[in-house]
C-alpha atoms as a PDB file:
ATOM      1  CA  MET A   1       0.000   0.000   0.000  1.00  0.00           C
ATOM      2  CA  SER A   2       1.323   3.431  -0.907  1.00  0.00           C
ATOM      3  CA  ASP A   3       1.881   6.126   1.707  1.00  0.00           C
ATOM      4  CA  MET A   4      -0.993   8.478   2.487  1.00  0.00           C
ATOM      5  CA  ARG A   5      -0.283  11.846   0.834  1.00  0.00           C
ATOM      6  CA  LEU A   6      -0.861  14.718   3.248  1.00  0.00           C
ATOM      7  CA  VAL A   7      -1.089  18.460   2.686  1.00  0.00           C
ATOM      8  CA  VAL A   8       0.013  20.714   5.534  1.00  0.00           C
ATOM      9  CA  VAL A   9      -1.724  24.104   5.492  1.00  0.00           C
ATOM     10  CA  GLY A  10      -0.278  27.023   7.425  1.00  0.00           C
ATOM     11  CA  ALA A  11       3.041  25.299   6.814  1.00  0.00           C
ATOM     12  CA  ALA A  12       5.256  28.137   8.047  1.00  0.00           C
ATOM     13  CA  GLY A  13       3.562  28.475  11.445  1.00  0.00           C
ATOM     14  CA  ARG A  14       4.626  26.759  14.673  1.00  0.00           C
ATOM     15  CA  MET A  15       2.101  23.943  14.274  1.00  0.00           C
ATOM     16  CA  GLY A  16       2.651  23.727  10.541  1.00  0.00           C
ATOM     17  CA  ARG A  17       6.359  23.074  11.049  1.00  0.00           C
ATOM     18  CA  ALA A  18       5.602  20.583  13.814  1.00  0.00           C
ATOM     19  CA  LEU A  19       3.216  18.742  11.478  1.00  0.00           C
ATOM     20  CA  ILE A  20       5.811  18.574   8.707  1.00  0.00           C
ATOM     21  CA  ARG A  21       8.419  17.166  11.098  1.00  0.00           C
ATOM     22  CA  THR A  22       5.959  14.603  12.432  1.00  0.00           C
ATOM     23  CA  VAL A  23       4.854  13.389   8.997  1.00  0.00           C
ATOM     24  CA  THR A  24       8.496  12.811   8.033  1.00  0.00           C
ATOM     25  CA  GLU A  25       9.022  10.753  11.217  1.00  0.00           C
ATOM     26  CA  MET A  26       5.948   8.484  10.965  1.00  0.00           C
ATOM     27  CA  ASP A  27       5.366   5.450   8.763  1.00  0.00           C
ATOM     28  CA  GLY A  28       2.628   5.330   6.147  1.00  0.00           C
ATOM     29  CA  VAL A  29       2.462   9.048   5.419  1.00  0.00           C
ATOM     30  CA  VAL A  30       4.304  11.586   3.293  1.00  0.00           C
ATOM     31  CA  VAL A  31       4.159  15.366   2.852  1.00  0.00           C
ATOM     32  CA  SER A  32       2.756  15.847  -0.636  1.00  0.00           C
ATOM     33  CA  ALA A  33       2.298  19.633  -0.417  1.00  0.00           C
ATOM     34  CA  ALA A  34       2.748  22.546   1.970  1.00  0.00           C
ATOM     35  CA  ILE A  35       0.467  25.576   1.754  1.00  0.00           C
ATOM     36  CA  GLU A  36       0.928  29.178   2.820  1.00  0.00           C
ATOM     37  CA  ARG A  37      -1.150  32.285   2.143  1.00  0.00           C
ATOM     38  CA  LYS A  38      -0.623  34.361  -0.973  1.00  0.00           C
ATOM     39  CA  HIS A  39       2.322  36.753  -0.802  1.00  0.00           C
ATOM     40  CA  SER A  40       3.889  34.856   2.118  1.00  0.00           C
ATOM     41  CA  GLN A  41       7.641  35.351   2.364  1.00  0.00           C
ATOM     42  CA  PHE A  42       8.000  31.563   2.619  1.00  0.00           C
ATOM     43  CA  LEU A  43       6.544  30.707  -0.808  1.00  0.00           C
ATOM     44  CA  GLY A  44       9.043  28.654  -2.767  1.00  0.00           C
ATOM     45  CA  ALA A  45      11.006  27.554   0.304  1.00  0.00           C
ATOM     46  CA  ASP A  46      11.544  23.836   0.860  1.00  0.00           C
ATOM     47  CA  ALA A  47       9.037  22.644   3.473  1.00  0.00           C
ATOM     48  CA  GLY A  48      11.482  20.263   5.119  1.00  0.00           C
ATOM     49  CA  GLU A  49      14.261  22.812   5.413  1.00  0.00           C
ATOM     50  CA  LEU A  50      11.829  25.337   6.913  1.00  0.00           C
ATOM     51  CA  ALA A  51      10.716  22.718   9.471  1.00  0.00           C
ATOM     52  CA  GLU A  52      14.373  21.847  10.149  1.00  0.00           C
ATOM     53  CA  CYS A  53      13.972  18.181   9.242  1.00  0.00           C
ATOM     54  CA  GLY A  54      16.005  18.087   6.028  1.00  0.00           C
ATOM     55  CA  LYS A  55      15.253  18.844   2.402  1.00  0.00           C
ATOM     56  CA  LEU A  56      11.994  17.222   1.207  1.00  0.00           C
ATOM     57  CA  GLY A  57      11.811  18.526  -2.334  1.00  0.00           C
ATOM     58  CA  VAL A  58       8.364  19.992  -1.526  1.00  0.00           C
ATOM     59  CA  ALA A  59       8.206  23.717  -2.222  1.00  0.00           C
ATOM     60  CA  ILE A  60       5.742  25.778  -0.195  1.00  0.00           C
ATOM     61  CA  THR A  61       2.964  27.000  -2.476  1.00  0.00           C
ATOM     62  CA  ASP A  62      -0.325  28.905  -2.447  1.00  0.00           C
ATOM     63  CA  ASP A  63      -1.887  26.667  -5.150  1.00  0.00           C
ATOM     64  CA  LEU A  64      -4.599  25.063  -3.053  1.00  0.00           C
ATOM     65  CA  GLU A  65      -6.465  23.322  -5.869  1.00  0.00           C
ATOM     66  CA  ALA A  66      -3.400  21.544  -7.253  1.00  0.00           C
ATOM     67  CA  ALA A  67      -2.248  20.510  -3.782  1.00  0.00           C
ATOM     68  CA  PHE A  68      -5.616  19.066  -2.748  1.00  0.00           C
ATOM     69  CA  ALA A  69      -6.165  17.379  -6.108  1.00  0.00           C
ATOM     70  CA  ASN A  70      -3.030  15.277  -5.567  1.00  0.00           C
ATOM     71  CA  ALA A  71      -3.501  14.418  -1.906  1.00  0.00           C
ATOM     72  CA  ASP A  72      -5.361  11.982   0.350  1.00  0.00           C
ATOM     73  CA  GLY A  73      -5.732  14.290   3.326  1.00  0.00           C
ATOM     74  CA  VAL A  74      -5.054  17.731   4.779  1.00  0.00           C
ATOM     75  CA  LEU A  75      -3.749  18.677   8.239  1.00  0.00           C
ATOM     76  CA  ASP A  76      -5.217  21.995   9.329  1.00  0.00           C
ATOM     77  CA  PHE A  77      -4.338  23.975  12.475  1.00  0.00           C
ATOM     78  CA  THR A  78      -5.032  27.444  11.085  1.00  0.00           C
ATOM     79  CA  VAL A  79      -7.829  29.972  11.760  1.00  0.00           C
ATOM     80  CA  PRO A  80     -11.610  29.503  11.438  1.00  0.00           C
ATOM     81  CA  GLU A  81     -12.072  31.552   8.254  1.00  0.00           C
ATOM     82  CA  ALA A  82      -9.300  29.652   6.471  1.00  0.00           C
ATOM     83  CA  THR A  83     -10.503  26.282   7.727  1.00  0.00           C
ATOM     84  CA  ILE A  84     -13.989  26.829   6.282  1.00  0.00           C
ATOM     85  CA  GLY A  85     -12.425  27.539   2.892  1.00  0.00           C
ATOM     86  CA  PHE A  86     -10.186  24.473   3.138  1.00  0.00           C
ATOM     87  CA  ALA A  87     -13.200  22.323   4.060  1.00  0.00           C
ATOM     88  CA  GLU A  88     -14.978  23.286   0.857  1.00  0.00           C
ATOM     89  CA  VAL A  89     -11.996  22.374  -1.315  1.00  0.00           C
ATOM     90  CA  ALA A  90     -11.259  19.167   0.636  1.00  0.00           C
ATOM     91  CA  ALA A  91     -14.878  18.025   0.254  1.00  0.00           C
ATOM     92  CA  ARG A  92     -14.783  18.731  -3.465  1.00  0.00           C
ATOM     93  CA  HIS A  93     -11.691  16.543  -3.847  1.00  0.00           C
ATOM     94  CA  SER A  94     -12.985  13.882  -1.409  1.00  0.00           C
ATOM     95  CA  ILE A  95      -9.930  13.931   0.844  1.00  0.00           C
ATOM     96  CA  ALA A  96      -9.799  13.588   4.635  1.00  0.00           C
ATOM     97  CA  HIS A  97      -9.712  16.888   6.526  1.00  0.00           C
ATOM     98  CA  ILE A  98      -8.108  16.843   9.979  1.00  0.00           C
ATOM     99  CA  ILE A  99      -8.945  20.017  11.897  1.00  0.00           C
ATOM    100  CA  GLY A 100      -7.215  21.275  15.021  1.00  0.00           C
ATOM    101  CA  THR A 101      -8.417  24.837  14.461  1.00  0.00           C
ATOM    102  CA  THR A 102     -10.161  26.374  17.473  1.00  0.00           C
ATOM    103  CA  GLY A 103     -12.316  29.447  18.086  1.00  0.00           C
ATOM    104  CA  MET A 104     -15.068  28.625  15.589  1.00  0.00           C
ATOM    105  CA  THR A 105     -18.496  30.222  15.794  1.00  0.00           C
ATOM    106  CA  SER A 106     -21.720  28.208  15.809  1.00  0.00           C
ATOM    107  CA  ALA A 107     -22.327  29.242  12.196  1.00  0.00           C
ATOM    108  CA  GLN A 108     -18.881  28.020  11.138  1.00  0.00           C
ATOM    109  CA  SER A 109     -19.411  24.718  12.941  1.00  0.00           C
ATOM    110  CA  THR A 110     -22.675  24.333  11.018  1.00  0.00           C
ATOM    111  CA  GLU A 111     -20.799  24.878   7.745  1.00  0.00           C
ATOM    112  CA  LEU A 112     -18.339  22.134   8.695  1.00  0.00           C
ATOM    113  CA  ALA A 113     -21.177  19.762   9.509  1.00  0.00           C
ATOM    114  CA  HIS A 114     -22.621  20.413   6.048  1.00  0.00           C
ATOM    115  CA  ALA A 115     -19.240  19.707   4.398  1.00  0.00           C
ATOM    116  CA  ALA A 116     -19.059  16.443   6.358  1.00  0.00           C
ATOM    117  CA  THR A 117     -22.064  15.063   4.475  1.00  0.00           C
ATOM    118  CA  SER A 118     -19.673  14.422   1.581  1.00  0.00           C
ATOM    119  CA  ALA A 119     -16.268  14.490   3.308  1.00  0.00           C
ATOM    120  CA  ARG A 120     -14.396  12.743   6.130  1.00  0.00           C
ATOM    121  CA  ILE A 121     -13.683  15.396   8.745  1.00  0.00           C
ATOM    122  CA  VAL A 122     -11.997  14.814  12.087  1.00  0.00           C
ATOM    123  CA  LYS A 123     -12.261  17.901  14.289  1.00  0.00           C
ATOM    124  CA  SER A 124     -11.051  18.244  17.856  1.00  0.00           C
ATOM    125  CA  GLY A 125     -10.097  21.015  20.222  1.00  0.00           C
ATOM    126  CA  ASN A 126      -7.138  18.813  21.149  1.00  0.00           C
ATOM    127  CA  MET A 127      -5.554  15.911  19.279  1.00  0.00           C
ATOM    128  CA  SER A 128      -3.695  14.310  22.194  1.00  0.00           C
ATOM    129  CA  LEU A 129      -4.541  10.904  23.655  1.00  0.00           C
ATOM    130  CA  GLY A 130      -4.148  12.228  27.197  1.00  0.00           C
ATOM    131  CA  VAL A 131      -6.619  15.088  26.827  1.00  0.00           C
ATOM    132  CA  ASN A 132      -9.253  12.891  25.225  1.00  0.00           C
ATOM    133  CA  LEU A 133      -8.891  10.305  27.976  1.00  0.00           C
ATOM    134  CA  LEU A 134      -9.151  13.163  30.472  1.00  0.00           C
ATOM    135  CA  ALA A 135     -12.394  14.296  28.848  1.00  0.00           C
ATOM    136  CA  CYS A 136     -13.851  10.807  29.368  1.00  0.00           C
ATOM    137  CA  LEU A 137     -12.853  10.887  33.054  1.00  0.00           C
ATOM    138  CA  ILE A 138     -14.373  14.356  33.458  1.00  0.00           C
ATOM    139  CA  LYS A 139     -17.648  13.227  31.923  1.00  0.00           C
ATOM    140  CA  LYS A 140     -17.808  10.265  34.327  1.00  0.00           C
ATOM    141  CA  ALA A 141     -16.891  12.436  37.317  1.00  0.00           C
ATOM    142  CA  ALA A 142     -19.501  15.062  36.450  1.00  0.00           C
ATOM    143  CA  ALA A 143     -22.151  12.353  36.152  1.00  0.00           C
ATOM    144  CA  ALA A 144     -21.178  10.817  39.487  1.00  0.00           C
ATOM    145  CA  LEU A 145     -20.902  14.071  41.480  1.00  0.00           C
ATOM    146  CA  ASP A 146     -24.027  16.154  42.021  1.00  0.00           C
ATOM    147  CA  GLU A 147     -24.314  19.948  41.986  1.00  0.00           C
ATOM    148  CA  ASP A 148     -22.838  20.156  45.483  1.00  0.00           C
ATOM    149  CA  PHE A 149     -19.585  19.958  43.501  1.00  0.00           C
ATOM    150  CA  ASP A 150     -18.907  23.179  41.582  1.00  0.00           C
ATOM    151  CA  ILE A 151     -17.023  22.755  38.292  1.00  0.00           C
ATOM    152  CA  GLU A 152     -14.252  25.143  37.238  1.00  0.00           C
ATOM    153  CA  VAL A 153     -12.007  24.850  34.163  1.00  0.00           C
ATOM    154  CA  LEU A 154      -8.574  26.483  34.448  1.00  0.00           C
ATOM    155  CA  GLU A 155      -6.268  26.737  31.428  1.00  0.00           C
ATOM    156  CA  MET A 156      -2.981  28.376  30.455  1.00  0.00           C
ATOM    157  CA  HIS A 157      -1.321  28.804  27.066  1.00  0.00           C
ATOM    158  CA  HIS A 158       1.511  30.775  25.488  1.00  0.00           C
ATOM    159  CA  ARG A 159       1.213  34.510  24.892  1.00  0.00           C
ATOM    160  CA  HIS A 160       0.576  34.074  21.136  1.00  0.00           C
ATOM    161  CA  LYS A 161      -2.717  32.157  21.456  1.00  0.00           C
ATOM    162  CA  VAL A 162      -5.554  34.210  19.996  1.00  0.00           C
ATOM    163  CA  ASP A 163      -8.737  32.499  21.257  1.00  0.00           C
ATOM    164  CA  ALA A 164     -10.092  32.157  24.782  1.00  0.00           C
ATOM    165  CA  PRO A 165     -11.205  29.908  26.314  1.00  0.00           C
ATOM    166  CA  SER A 166      -9.021  27.484  24.385  1.00  0.00           C
ATOM    167  CA  GLY A 167     -10.505  24.727  22.273  1.00  0.00           C
ATOM    168  CA  THR A 168      -9.229  22.219  24.820  1.00  0.00           C
ATOM    169  CA  ALA A 169     -10.874  24.057  27.722  1.00  0.00           C
ATOM    170  CA  LEU A 170     -14.168  24.057  25.824  1.00  0.00           C
ATOM    171  CA  LEU A 171     -13.765  20.351  24.987  1.00  0.00           C
ATOM    172  CA  LEU A 172     -13.310  19.584  28.692  1.00  0.00           C
ATOM    173  CA  GLY A 173     -16.150  21.901  29.663  1.00  0.00           C
ATOM    174  CA  GLU A 174     -18.426  20.174  27.178  1.00  0.00           C
ATOM    175  CA  ALA A 175     -17.466  16.799  28.652  1.00  0.00           C
ATOM    176  CA  ALA A 176     -18.461  18.065  32.105  1.00  0.00           C
ATOM    177  CA  ALA A 177     -21.731  19.458  30.757  1.00  0.00           C
ATOM    178  CA  GLU A 178     -22.551  16.153  29.044  1.00  0.00           C
ATOM    179  CA  GLY A 179     -21.886  14.315  32.285  1.00  0.00           C
ATOM    180  CA  ARG A 180     -24.268  16.641  34.107  1.00  0.00           C
ATOM    181  CA  GLY A 181     -26.852  16.492  31.325  1.00  0.00           C
ATOM    182  CA  ILE A 182     -26.853  20.261  30.803  1.00  0.00           C
ATOM    183  CA  ASP A 183     -26.179  22.662  27.940  1.00  0.00           C
ATOM    184  CA  LEU A 184     -22.730  24.234  28.250  1.00  0.00           C
ATOM    185  CA  GLU A 185     -23.713  27.383  26.366  1.00  0.00           C
ATOM    186  CA  THR A 186     -26.357  28.325  28.919  1.00  0.00           C
ATOM    187  CA  HIS A 187     -24.409  27.208  31.995  1.00  0.00           C
ATOM    188  CA  SER A 188     -20.887  28.497  31.301  1.00  0.00           C
ATOM    189  CA  VAL A 189     -19.369  31.526  33.028  1.00  0.00           C
ATOM    190  CA  ARG A 190     -16.507  33.033  31.023  1.00  0.00           C
ATOM    191  CA  THR A 191     -15.784  36.216  33.013  1.00  0.00           C
ATOM    192  CA  ARG A 192     -16.068  37.411  36.594  1.00  0.00           C
ATOM    193  CA  ASP A 193     -15.419  41.039  37.503  1.00  0.00           C
ATOM    194  CA  GLY A 194     -16.698  43.320  40.219  1.00  0.00           C
ATOM    195  CA  ILE A 195     -19.516  42.418  42.603  1.00  0.00           C
ATOM    196  CA  THR A 196     -20.782  39.261  40.947  1.00  0.00           C
ATOM    197  CA  GLY A 197     -22.804  37.819  43.803  1.00  0.00           C
ATOM    198  CA  GLU A 198     -22.665  34.199  44.889  1.00  0.00           C
ATOM    199  CA  ARG A 199     -21.727  31.512  42.411  1.00  0.00           C
ATOM    200  CA  LYS A 200     -24.826  30.088  40.737  1.00  0.00           C
ATOM    201  CA  ARG A 201     -25.390  26.423  41.504  1.00  0.00           C
ATOM    202  CA  GLY A 202     -24.763  24.210  38.465  1.00  0.00           C
ATOM    203  CA  ASP A 203     -22.658  26.669  36.453  1.00  0.00           C
ATOM    204  CA  ILE A 204     -19.359  25.675  34.823  1.00  0.00           C
ATOM    205  CA  GLY A 205     -16.723  28.379  35.184  1.00  0.00           C
ATOM    206  CA  PHE A 206     -13.739  29.088  32.938  1.00  0.00           C
ATOM    207  CA  ALA A 207     -10.508  30.878  33.889  1.00  0.00           C
ATOM    208  CA  THR A 208      -7.978  31.769  31.187  1.00  0.00           C
ATOM    209  CA  LEU A 209      -4.265  32.472  31.673  1.00  0.00           C
ATOM    210  CA  ARG A 210      -1.804  33.510  28.952  1.00  0.00           C
ATOM    211  CA  GLY A 211       1.958  33.961  29.099  1.00  0.00           C
ATOM    212  CA  GLY A 212       5.411  32.916  27.983  1.00  0.00           C
ATOM    213  CA  SER A 213       5.837  29.768  25.940  1.00  0.00           C
ATOM    214  CA  VAL A 214       3.424  27.443  27.769  1.00  0.00           C
ATOM    215  CA  VAL A 215       2.238  24.762  25.320  1.00  0.00           C
ATOM    216  CA  GLY A 216      -0.923  23.929  27.249  1.00  0.00           C
ATOM    217  CA  GLU A 217      -2.009  23.255  30.830  1.00  0.00           C
ATOM    218  CA  HIS A 218      -5.593  22.351  31.795  1.00  0.00           C
ATOM    219  CA  THR A 219      -7.242  21.494  35.106  1.00  0.00           C
ATOM    220  CA  VAL A 220     -10.886  20.759  35.789  1.00  0.00           C
ATOM    221  CA  MET A 221     -11.785  21.257  39.451  1.00  0.00           C
ATOM    222  CA  PHE A 222     -14.744  19.656  41.218  1.00  0.00           C
ATOM    223  CA  ALA A 223     -15.071  21.634  44.461  1.00  0.00           C
ATOM    224  CA  SER A 224     -17.545  21.035  47.289  1.00  0.00           C
ATOM    225  CA  GLU A 225     -17.673  21.907  50.979  1.00  0.00           C
ATOM    226  CA  GLY A 226     -14.570  20.355  52.517  1.00  0.00           C
ATOM    227  CA  GLU A 227     -13.027  18.643  49.483  1.00  0.00           C
ATOM    228  CA  ARG A 228     -11.838  19.185  45.921  1.00  0.00           C
ATOM    229  CA  ILE A 229     -10.961  16.862  43.047  1.00  0.00           C
ATOM    230  CA  ASP A 230      -8.542  18.153  40.381  1.00  0.00           C
ATOM    231  CA  LEU A 231      -8.169  16.396  37.021  1.00  0.00           C
ATOM    232  CA  SER A 232      -5.253  17.809  35.010  1.00  0.00           C
ATOM    233  CA  HIS A 233      -3.261  17.513  31.802  1.00  0.00           C
ATOM    234  CA  ILE A 234       0.047  19.240  31.024  1.00  0.00           C
ATOM    235  CA  ALA A 235       1.471  19.362  27.492  1.00  0.00           C
ATOM    236  CA  THR A 236       5.176  20.144  27.141  1.00  0.00           C
ATOM    237  CA  ASP A 237       5.680  19.543  23.413  1.00  0.00           C
ATOM    238  CA  ARG A 238       3.284  20.466  20.576  1.00  0.00           C
ATOM    239  CA  GLN A 239       4.583  17.466  18.611  1.00  0.00           C
ATOM    240  CA  LEU A 240       2.067  15.372  20.568  1.00  0.00           C
ATOM    241  CA  PHE A 241      -0.770  17.280  18.865  1.00  0.00           C
ATOM    242  CA  ALA A 242       0.891  16.723  15.502  1.00  0.00           C
ATOM    243  CA  ARG A 243       1.232  12.983  16.109  1.00  0.00           C
ATOM    244  CA  GLY A 244      -2.426  12.790  17.058  1.00  0.00           C
ATOM    245  CA  ALA A 245      -3.415  14.633  13.880  1.00  0.00           C
ATOM    246  CA  VAL A 246      -1.444  12.238  11.676  1.00  0.00           C
ATOM    247  CA  LYS A 247      -2.987   9.235  13.441  1.00  0.00           C
ATOM    248  CA  ALA A 248      -6.402  10.808  12.841  1.00  0.00           C
ATOM    249  CA  ALA A 249      -5.614  11.193   9.128  1.00  0.00           C
ATOM    250  CA  LEU A 250      -4.599   7.534   8.810  1.00  0.00           C
ATOM    251  CA  TRP A 251      -7.801   6.499  10.620  1.00  0.00           C
ATOM    252  CA  ALA A 252     -10.038   8.770   8.519  1.00  0.00           C
ATOM    253  CA  HIS A 253      -8.546   7.597   5.230  1.00  0.00           C
ATOM    254  CA  ASN A 254     -10.894   4.601   5.018  1.00  0.00           C
ATOM    255  CA  GLN A 255     -13.930   5.975   6.835  1.00  0.00           C
ATOM    256  CA  GLN A 256     -17.301   6.945   5.437  1.00  0.00           C
ATOM    257  CA  PRO A 257     -18.152  10.670   5.104  1.00  0.00           C
ATOM    258  CA  GLY A 258     -18.992  12.250   8.426  1.00  0.00           C
ATOM    259  CA  LEU A 259     -17.886  14.575  11.195  1.00  0.00           C
ATOM    260  CA  TYR A 260     -15.718  12.712  13.684  1.00  0.00           C
ATOM    261  CA  SER A 261     -13.794  13.537  16.862  1.00  0.00           C
ATOM    262  CA  MET A 262     -10.579  12.221  18.392  1.00  0.00           C
ATOM    263  CA  ALA A 263     -12.749  10.137  20.695  1.00  0.00           C
ATOM    264  CA  ASP A 264     -13.897   8.282  17.552  1.00  0.00           C
ATOM    265  CA  VAL A 265     -10.297   7.885  16.344  1.00  0.00           C
ATOM    266  CA  LEU A 266      -9.212   6.481  19.711  1.00  0.00           C
ATOM    267  CA  GLY A 267     -12.253   4.218  20.063  1.00  0.00           C
ATOM    268  CA  LEU A 268     -13.450   6.042  23.177  1.00  0.00           C
ATOM    269  CA  ASN A 269     -16.990   6.281  21.799  1.00  0.00           C
ATOM    270  CA  ASP A 270     -17.279   2.508  21.370  1.00  0.00           C
ATOM    271  CA  GLU A 271     -18.331   1.969  24.980  1.00  0.00           C
END
């Protein structure tokens, strides 16, 4: 069987370079194209040399159609507006679309769901095994502990992250909400400032920290009178997200059209 041909979009960014390095290190996959925006200073550069993993003979390009037409999948950790455009092209060429992009609106998520009627899309706020296992534990804990236990989600990322709460924080918050059988949108508290009054029973709070070069730290706290349970995950290397994305691409390659999550890839939804 030939290697799965993968396109890396946003190839010059931190995650783009991590994805290129990871694809070159894993079996069964190859970088077939690397995409950057029009007028990028990196157009024409060798993708491997830019990612510091050796010359690949793959020049960074802005020719999306040609790249997708000759690929089996695309790895996408970009921005919501770009991801929606990539989804349309990926669906048209019937290739797998692996999405680590966060910060999407409800309308953009609806557009992705529509694209998934004819495409294989794996979307997750976090591609790591550890975080997705953590989400399962949080769901079970939230189901087992009643509203005497308040739920708070604390997260920290590097200073360059542009969305808050992070996609991972929202993934974990959603797991808690599912465990409680409530709607996260109507029960989440994103900001607290001034005289806020007592904490409302049943809410799920979010606290966001940004600074330095922190890859990602997340803790979900279940706090009641006299005790607290903390469930945490600490990421120290963004290559773990890249490895998860490549594993998702290999899994999605032979799936039917649909919108999947990393829980599907890891078999965590088979219970």
